[in-house]
N, C-alpha and C. Protein backbone atom coordinates (compact mmCIF):
# COMPACT_ATOMS: atom_id res chain seq x y z
N UNK A 1 0.66 9.00 -11.51
CA UNK A 1 0.13 8.49 -10.27
C UNK A 1 1.25 8.54 -9.23
N UNK A 2 0.86 8.73 -7.99
CA UNK A 2 1.81 8.82 -6.89
C UNK A 2 1.53 7.73 -5.87
N UNK A 3 2.58 7.11 -5.37
CA UNK A 3 2.47 6.09 -4.33
C UNK A 3 3.17 6.62 -3.09
N UNK A 4 2.46 6.61 -1.95
CA UNK A 4 3.04 7.06 -0.69
C UNK A 4 3.11 5.88 0.26
N UNK A 5 4.21 5.79 1.01
CA UNK A 5 4.38 4.75 2.02
C UNK A 5 4.66 5.41 3.36
N UNK A 6 4.11 4.84 4.42
CA UNK A 6 4.32 5.37 5.76
C UNK A 6 5.02 4.31 6.59
N UNK A 7 6.17 4.66 7.14
CA UNK A 7 6.93 3.76 8.00
C UNK A 7 6.69 4.18 9.45
N UNK A 8 5.96 3.37 10.19
CA UNK A 8 5.69 3.65 11.59
C UNK A 8 6.68 3.01 12.55
N UNK A 9 7.64 2.29 12.00
CA UNK A 9 8.63 1.62 12.83
C UNK A 9 9.58 2.63 13.46
N UNK A 10 9.93 2.45 14.73
CA UNK A 10 10.87 3.37 15.37
C UNK A 10 12.32 3.15 14.93
N UNK A 11 12.59 2.07 14.19
CA UNK A 11 13.97 1.73 13.79
C UNK A 11 14.25 2.23 12.39
N UNK A 12 14.83 3.41 12.30
CA UNK A 12 15.19 3.96 10.99
C UNK A 12 16.26 3.06 10.38
N UNK A 13 16.06 2.70 9.11
CA UNK A 13 16.98 1.81 8.42
C UNK A 13 16.75 0.34 8.72
N UNK A 14 15.65 0.04 9.42
CA UNK A 14 15.34 -1.35 9.78
C UNK A 14 14.66 -2.10 8.64
N UNK A 15 14.18 -3.29 8.96
CA UNK A 15 13.57 -4.16 7.95
C UNK A 15 12.33 -3.55 7.30
N UNK A 16 11.50 -2.86 8.08
CA UNK A 16 10.30 -2.25 7.51
C UNK A 16 10.67 -1.21 6.47
N UNK A 17 11.63 -0.37 6.77
CA UNK A 17 12.05 0.65 5.81
C UNK A 17 12.65 0.01 4.55
N UNK A 18 13.44 -1.05 4.74
CA UNK A 18 14.02 -1.74 3.59
C UNK A 18 12.93 -2.32 2.68
N UNK A 19 11.91 -2.92 3.31
CA UNK A 19 10.81 -3.49 2.53
C UNK A 19 10.05 -2.41 1.77
N UNK A 20 9.76 -1.30 2.45
CA UNK A 20 9.05 -0.21 1.80
C UNK A 20 9.87 0.37 0.65
N UNK A 21 11.17 0.51 0.83
CA UNK A 21 12.02 1.01 -0.24
C UNK A 21 12.05 0.07 -1.44
N UNK A 22 11.99 -1.24 -1.18
CA UNK A 22 11.94 -2.22 -2.28
C UNK A 22 10.66 -2.03 -3.09
N UNK A 23 9.54 -1.89 -2.41
CA UNK A 23 8.26 -1.67 -3.09
C UNK A 23 8.28 -0.36 -3.87
N UNK A 24 8.80 0.70 -3.25
CA UNK A 24 8.83 2.00 -3.91
C UNK A 24 9.76 1.99 -5.12
N UNK A 25 10.84 1.23 -5.06
CA UNK A 25 11.74 1.12 -6.20
C UNK A 25 11.04 0.47 -7.39
N UNK A 26 10.28 -0.57 -7.14
CA UNK A 26 9.52 -1.23 -8.21
C UNK A 26 8.48 -0.26 -8.79
N UNK A 27 7.85 0.53 -7.94
CA UNK A 27 6.87 1.52 -8.40
C UNK A 27 7.55 2.57 -9.28
N UNK A 28 8.74 3.00 -8.88
CA UNK A 28 9.47 3.98 -9.68
C UNK A 28 9.85 3.40 -11.04
N UNK A 29 10.25 2.15 -11.07
CA UNK A 29 10.61 1.50 -12.32
C UNK A 29 9.41 1.40 -13.26
N UNK A 30 8.20 1.40 -12.68
CA UNK A 30 6.97 1.36 -13.47
C UNK A 30 6.53 2.77 -13.88
N UNK A 31 7.33 3.78 -13.51
CA UNK A 31 7.04 5.15 -13.92
C UNK A 31 6.20 5.95 -12.95
N UNK A 32 6.06 5.47 -11.73
CA UNK A 32 5.25 6.17 -10.73
C UNK A 32 6.13 7.07 -9.87
N UNK A 33 5.53 8.11 -9.31
CA UNK A 33 6.20 8.98 -8.36
C UNK A 33 5.99 8.38 -6.97
N UNK A 34 7.04 8.40 -6.14
CA UNK A 34 6.93 7.78 -4.81
C UNK A 34 7.38 8.73 -3.72
N UNK A 35 6.86 8.48 -2.51
CA UNK A 35 7.24 9.22 -1.31
C UNK A 35 7.28 8.24 -0.14
N UNK A 36 8.22 8.44 0.75
CA UNK A 36 8.30 7.65 1.98
C UNK A 36 8.22 8.60 3.16
N UNK A 37 7.24 8.38 4.04
CA UNK A 37 7.08 9.18 5.24
C UNK A 37 7.58 8.36 6.43
N UNK A 38 8.47 8.93 7.23
CA UNK A 38 8.96 8.28 8.44
C UNK A 38 8.15 8.82 9.61
N UNK A 39 7.20 8.03 10.11
CA UNK A 39 6.33 8.49 11.19
C UNK A 39 6.77 7.99 12.56
N UNK A 40 7.54 6.92 12.62
CA UNK A 40 7.98 6.37 13.89
C UNK A 40 9.35 6.89 14.29
N UNK A 41 9.71 6.64 15.52
CA UNK A 41 11.04 7.03 16.00
C UNK A 41 11.02 8.33 16.76
N UNK A 42 12.19 8.85 17.03
CA UNK A 42 12.34 10.09 17.80
C UNK A 42 11.61 11.24 17.13
N UNK A 43 10.87 11.98 17.90
CA UNK A 43 10.15 13.13 17.36
C UNK A 43 8.88 12.76 16.62
N UNK A 44 8.40 11.52 16.75
CA UNK A 44 7.23 11.10 15.99
C UNK A 44 5.94 11.76 16.48
N UNK A 45 5.98 12.44 17.62
CA UNK A 45 4.80 13.14 18.08
C UNK A 45 4.54 14.38 17.21
N UNK A 46 5.57 14.82 16.51
CA UNK A 46 5.42 15.94 15.58
C UNK A 46 4.96 15.41 14.24
N UNK A 47 4.76 16.30 13.31
CA UNK A 47 4.39 15.87 11.96
C UNK A 47 5.53 15.05 11.37
N UNK A 48 5.19 13.97 10.63
CA UNK A 48 6.24 13.14 10.06
C UNK A 48 7.04 13.87 9.01
N UNK A 49 8.32 13.55 8.94
CA UNK A 49 9.17 14.13 7.91
C UNK A 49 8.86 13.51 6.56
N UNK A 50 8.97 14.29 5.52
CA UNK A 50 8.67 13.80 4.18
C UNK A 50 9.99 13.54 3.47
N UNK A 51 10.18 12.31 3.05
CA UNK A 51 11.37 11.93 2.30
C UNK A 51 10.95 11.61 0.88
N UNK A 52 11.34 12.44 -0.04
CA UNK A 52 10.97 12.21 -1.43
C UNK A 52 12.06 11.40 -2.11
N UNK A 53 11.67 10.34 -2.76
CA UNK A 53 12.62 9.47 -3.46
C UNK A 53 12.73 9.88 -4.90
């Protein structure tokens, strides 16, 4: 199973990203595949970048 998270916050490395990374870490420990998409911030009008954890 795969879990995807989307961060719409414009602050890269901010509290929202930290929270999402905490959740994704727990999912990984449970044996799931995870992805974090950064949709907010500079260049967000383009397709979001895919960050695979």
